[in-house]
């Protein structure tokens, strides 16, 4: 992420989070399904995100492009 996080808001919608990360909402859903909702639980219809969530999502987004980062195994 090249943007700095300025706490203008406490919560960000899915569309706002995707826009901040320069990705589509579908790509955001893919990241969430891959890293959070990967244990069989269903992703809620309407999520909101805080600044820390955006940082973590940005890390996951970049780690998919960088094979040098070690990923944790998927939960089973």
N, C-alpha and C. Protein backbone atom coordinates (compact mmCIF):
# COMPACT_ATOMS: atom_id res chain seq x y z
N UNK A 1 0.84 -1.17 0.00
CA UNK A 1 0.00 0.00 0.00
C UNK A 1 0.89 1.23 0.00
N UNK A 2 0.57 2.12 -0.86
CA UNK A 2 1.35 3.33 -0.93
C UNK A 2 0.66 4.50 -0.25
N UNK A 3 -0.61 4.34 0.06
CA UNK A 3 -1.35 5.41 0.71
C UNK A 3 -1.14 5.33 2.22
N UNK A 4 -1.12 6.46 2.87
CA UNK A 4 -1.05 6.44 4.32
C UNK A 4 -2.46 6.38 4.87
N UNK A 5 -2.59 5.68 5.99
CA UNK A 5 -3.90 5.58 6.61
C UNK A 5 -4.10 6.77 7.54
N UNK A 6 -5.05 7.57 7.23
CA UNK A 6 -5.42 8.69 8.08
C UNK A 6 -6.79 8.39 8.62
N UNK A 7 -6.93 8.36 9.90
CA UNK A 7 -8.18 7.96 10.53
C UNK A 7 -9.27 9.00 10.31
N UNK A 8 -9.76 9.07 9.10
CA UNK A 8 -10.88 9.95 8.81
C UNK A 8 -12.19 9.28 9.20
N UNK A 9 -12.18 7.96 9.17
CA UNK A 9 -13.38 7.20 9.48
C UNK A 9 -13.01 6.07 10.43
N UNK A 10 -14.00 5.60 11.15
CA UNK A 10 -13.77 4.45 12.01
C UNK A 10 -14.05 3.15 11.26
N UNK A 11 -14.98 3.18 10.31
CA UNK A 11 -15.37 1.99 9.56
C UNK A 11 -15.38 2.30 8.07
N UNK A 12 -15.05 1.29 7.30
CA UNK A 12 -15.08 1.39 5.84
C UNK A 12 -15.96 0.28 5.30
N UNK A 13 -16.78 0.57 4.32
CA UNK A 13 -17.62 -0.44 3.69
C UNK A 13 -16.74 -1.31 2.78
N UNK A 14 -17.34 -2.37 2.27
CA UNK A 14 -16.60 -3.24 1.34
C UNK A 14 -16.15 -2.45 0.12
N UNK A 15 -17.03 -1.63 -0.42
CA UNK A 15 -16.68 -0.84 -1.61
C UNK A 15 -15.56 0.15 -1.29
N UNK A 16 -15.62 0.79 -0.13
CA UNK A 16 -14.57 1.74 0.25
C UNK A 16 -13.24 1.03 0.48
N UNK A 17 -13.28 -0.14 1.12
CA UNK A 17 -12.05 -0.90 1.36
C UNK A 17 -11.44 -1.35 0.03
N UNK A 18 -12.26 -1.85 -0.87
CA UNK A 18 -11.77 -2.28 -2.18
C UNK A 18 -11.17 -1.10 -2.94
N UNK A 19 -11.83 0.02 -2.89
CA UNK A 19 -11.33 1.22 -3.56
C UNK A 19 -9.98 1.64 -2.98
N UNK A 20 -9.87 1.62 -1.67
CA UNK A 20 -8.61 1.99 -1.01
C UNK A 20 -7.47 1.08 -1.46
N UNK A 21 -7.78 -0.22 -1.60
CA UNK A 21 -6.77 -1.20 -2.00
C UNK A 21 -6.57 -1.28 -3.51
N UNK A 22 -7.34 -0.50 -4.25
CA UNK A 22 -7.29 -0.50 -5.73
C UNK A 22 -7.61 -1.87 -6.31
N UNK A 23 -8.61 -2.52 -5.74
CA UNK A 23 -9.06 -3.82 -6.24
C UNK A 23 -10.59 -3.79 -6.36
N UNK A 24 -11.13 -4.79 -6.99
CA UNK A 24 -12.59 -4.89 -7.10
C UNK A 24 -13.15 -5.49 -5.81
N UNK A 25 -14.44 -5.32 -5.61
CA UNK A 25 -15.10 -5.94 -4.45
C UNK A 25 -15.01 -7.46 -4.57
N UNK A 26 -15.08 -7.99 -5.78
CA UNK A 26 -14.95 -9.43 -5.98
C UNK A 26 -13.58 -9.92 -5.54
N UNK A 27 -12.54 -9.15 -5.85
CA UNK A 27 -11.18 -9.51 -5.41
C UNK A 27 -11.07 -9.43 -3.89
N UNK A 28 -11.71 -8.44 -3.29
CA UNK A 28 -11.74 -8.32 -1.83
C UNK A 28 -12.40 -9.56 -1.23
N UNK A 29 -13.52 -9.98 -1.81
CA UNK A 29 -14.20 -11.18 -1.33
C UNK A 29 -13.30 -12.40 -1.47
N UNK A 30 -12.55 -12.49 -2.55
CA UNK A 30 -11.62 -13.61 -2.75
C UNK A 30 -10.57 -13.62 -1.63
N UNK A 31 -9.99 -12.46 -1.32
CA UNK A 31 -9.00 -12.38 -0.24
C UNK A 31 -9.60 -12.81 1.09
N UNK A 32 -10.81 -12.34 1.38
CA UNK A 32 -11.47 -12.70 2.62
C UNK A 32 -11.76 -14.20 2.68
N UNK A 33 -12.24 -14.75 1.58
CA UNK A 33 -12.54 -16.18 1.54
C UNK A 33 -11.27 -17.02 1.66
N UNK A 34 -10.19 -16.54 1.10
CA UNK A 34 -8.94 -17.28 1.12
C UNK A 34 -8.27 -17.25 2.49
N UNK A 35 -8.36 -16.12 3.20
CA UNK A 35 -7.60 -15.95 4.43
C UNK A 35 -8.43 -15.97 5.71
N UNK A 36 -9.71 -15.69 5.65
CA UNK A 36 -10.51 -15.62 6.88
C UNK A 36 -11.63 -16.65 6.88
N UNK A 37 -12.42 -16.65 5.86
CA UNK A 37 -13.59 -17.53 5.81
C UNK A 37 -13.23 -18.83 5.07
N UNK A 38 -12.14 -19.47 5.50
CA UNK A 38 -11.65 -20.66 4.82
C UNK A 38 -11.86 -21.93 5.65
N UNK A 39 -12.68 -21.83 6.69
CA UNK A 39 -12.93 -22.99 7.55
C UNK A 39 -14.36 -23.52 7.39
N UNK A 40 -15.00 -23.15 6.32
CA UNK A 40 -16.37 -23.59 6.08
C UNK A 40 -17.41 -22.59 6.53
N UNK A 41 -16.99 -21.54 7.24
CA UNK A 41 -17.96 -20.53 7.65
C UNK A 41 -18.33 -19.66 6.45
N UNK A 42 -19.51 -19.09 6.51
CA UNK A 42 -20.01 -18.27 5.41
C UNK A 42 -19.67 -16.81 5.66
N UNK A 43 -19.17 -16.15 4.62
CA UNK A 43 -18.86 -14.72 4.72
C UNK A 43 -20.16 -13.94 4.84
N UNK A 44 -20.28 -13.06 5.82
CA UNK A 44 -21.49 -12.23 5.94
C UNK A 44 -21.70 -11.36 4.70
N UNK A 45 -22.94 -10.99 4.46
CA UNK A 45 -23.27 -10.20 3.27
C UNK A 45 -22.68 -8.81 3.29
N UNK A 46 -22.69 -8.16 4.44
CA UNK A 46 -22.25 -6.77 4.50
C UNK A 46 -21.21 -6.60 5.60
N UNK A 47 -19.96 -6.47 5.21
CA UNK A 47 -18.87 -6.33 6.18
C UNK A 47 -18.41 -4.89 6.26
N UNK A 48 -17.80 -4.54 7.38
CA UNK A 48 -17.14 -3.24 7.49
C UNK A 48 -15.74 -3.49 8.01
N UNK A 49 -14.84 -2.56 7.72
CA UNK A 49 -13.42 -2.74 8.01
C UNK A 49 -12.88 -1.52 8.75
N UNK A 50 -11.92 -1.76 9.64
CA UNK A 50 -11.22 -0.65 10.31
C UNK A 50 -9.85 -0.50 9.66
N UNK A 51 -9.08 0.49 10.11
CA UNK A 51 -7.76 0.76 9.53
C UNK A 51 -6.84 -0.47 9.59
N UNK A 52 -6.84 -1.17 10.72
CA UNK A 52 -5.98 -2.36 10.87
C UNK A 52 -6.37 -3.45 9.88
N UNK A 53 -7.65 -3.58 9.61
CA UNK A 53 -8.11 -4.56 8.62
C UNK A 53 -7.55 -4.23 7.24
N UNK A 54 -7.54 -2.96 6.90
CA UNK A 54 -7.03 -2.55 5.59
C UNK A 54 -5.54 -2.84 5.47
N UNK A 55 -4.81 -2.66 6.55
CA UNK A 55 -3.37 -2.96 6.54
C UNK A 55 -3.16 -4.46 6.30
N UNK A 56 -3.90 -5.29 7.01
CA UNK A 56 -3.77 -6.73 6.85
C UNK A 56 -4.19 -7.18 5.45
N UNK A 57 -5.28 -6.65 4.95
CA UNK A 57 -5.71 -6.98 3.59
C UNK A 57 -4.66 -6.57 2.57
N UNK A 58 -4.05 -5.40 2.77
CA UNK A 58 -2.98 -4.96 1.88
C UNK A 58 -1.79 -5.90 1.92
N UNK A 59 -1.45 -6.39 3.10
CA UNK A 59 -0.35 -7.35 3.23
C UNK A 59 -0.67 -8.63 2.47
N UNK A 60 -1.90 -9.15 2.66
CA UNK A 60 -2.28 -10.37 1.95
C UNK A 60 -2.28 -10.15 0.45
N UNK A 61 -2.70 -9.00 0.02
CA UNK A 61 -2.73 -8.69 -1.40
C UNK A 61 -1.31 -8.71 -1.97
N UNK A 62 -0.39 -8.08 -1.26
CA UNK A 62 1.01 -8.06 -1.73
C UNK A 62 1.69 -9.41 -1.60
N UNK A 63 1.34 -10.19 -0.57
CA UNK A 63 2.02 -11.47 -0.37
C UNK A 63 1.70 -12.46 -1.47
N UNK A 64 0.57 -12.28 -2.15
CA UNK A 64 0.24 -13.17 -3.25
C UNK A 64 1.15 -12.88 -4.45
N UNK A 65 1.69 -11.70 -4.50
CA UNK A 65 2.57 -11.33 -5.60
C UNK A 65 4.04 -11.58 -5.25
N UNK A 66 4.34 -11.89 -3.99
CA UNK A 66 5.71 -12.05 -3.54
C UNK A 66 5.90 -13.44 -2.94
N UNK A 67 6.50 -14.37 -3.69
CA UNK A 67 6.65 -15.73 -3.19
C UNK A 67 7.66 -15.86 -2.05
N UNK A 68 8.39 -14.80 -1.70
CA UNK A 68 9.37 -14.86 -0.62
C UNK A 68 8.72 -14.82 0.76
N UNK A 69 7.47 -14.42 0.82
CA UNK A 69 6.77 -14.34 2.09
C UNK A 69 6.19 -15.71 2.41
N UNK A 70 6.45 -16.19 3.62
CA UNK A 70 5.95 -17.49 4.04
C UNK A 70 4.53 -17.33 4.52
N UNK A 71 3.65 -18.13 3.97
CA UNK A 71 2.24 -18.09 4.36
C UNK A 71 1.95 -19.16 5.39
N UNK A 72 1.01 -18.86 6.24
CA UNK A 72 0.54 -19.84 7.22
C UNK A 72 -0.33 -20.85 6.49
N UNK A 73 -0.33 -22.11 6.95
CA UNK A 73 -1.18 -23.10 6.29
C UNK A 73 -2.65 -22.82 6.50
N UNK A 74 -3.46 -23.27 5.58
CA UNK A 74 -4.91 -23.09 5.69
C UNK A 74 -5.43 -23.90 6.86
N UNK A 75 -6.45 -23.35 7.51
CA UNK A 75 -7.10 -24.09 8.60
C UNK A 75 -7.90 -25.24 8.02
N UNK A 76 -7.93 -26.34 8.75
CA UNK A 76 -8.74 -27.47 8.24
C UNK A 76 -9.80 -27.87 9.22
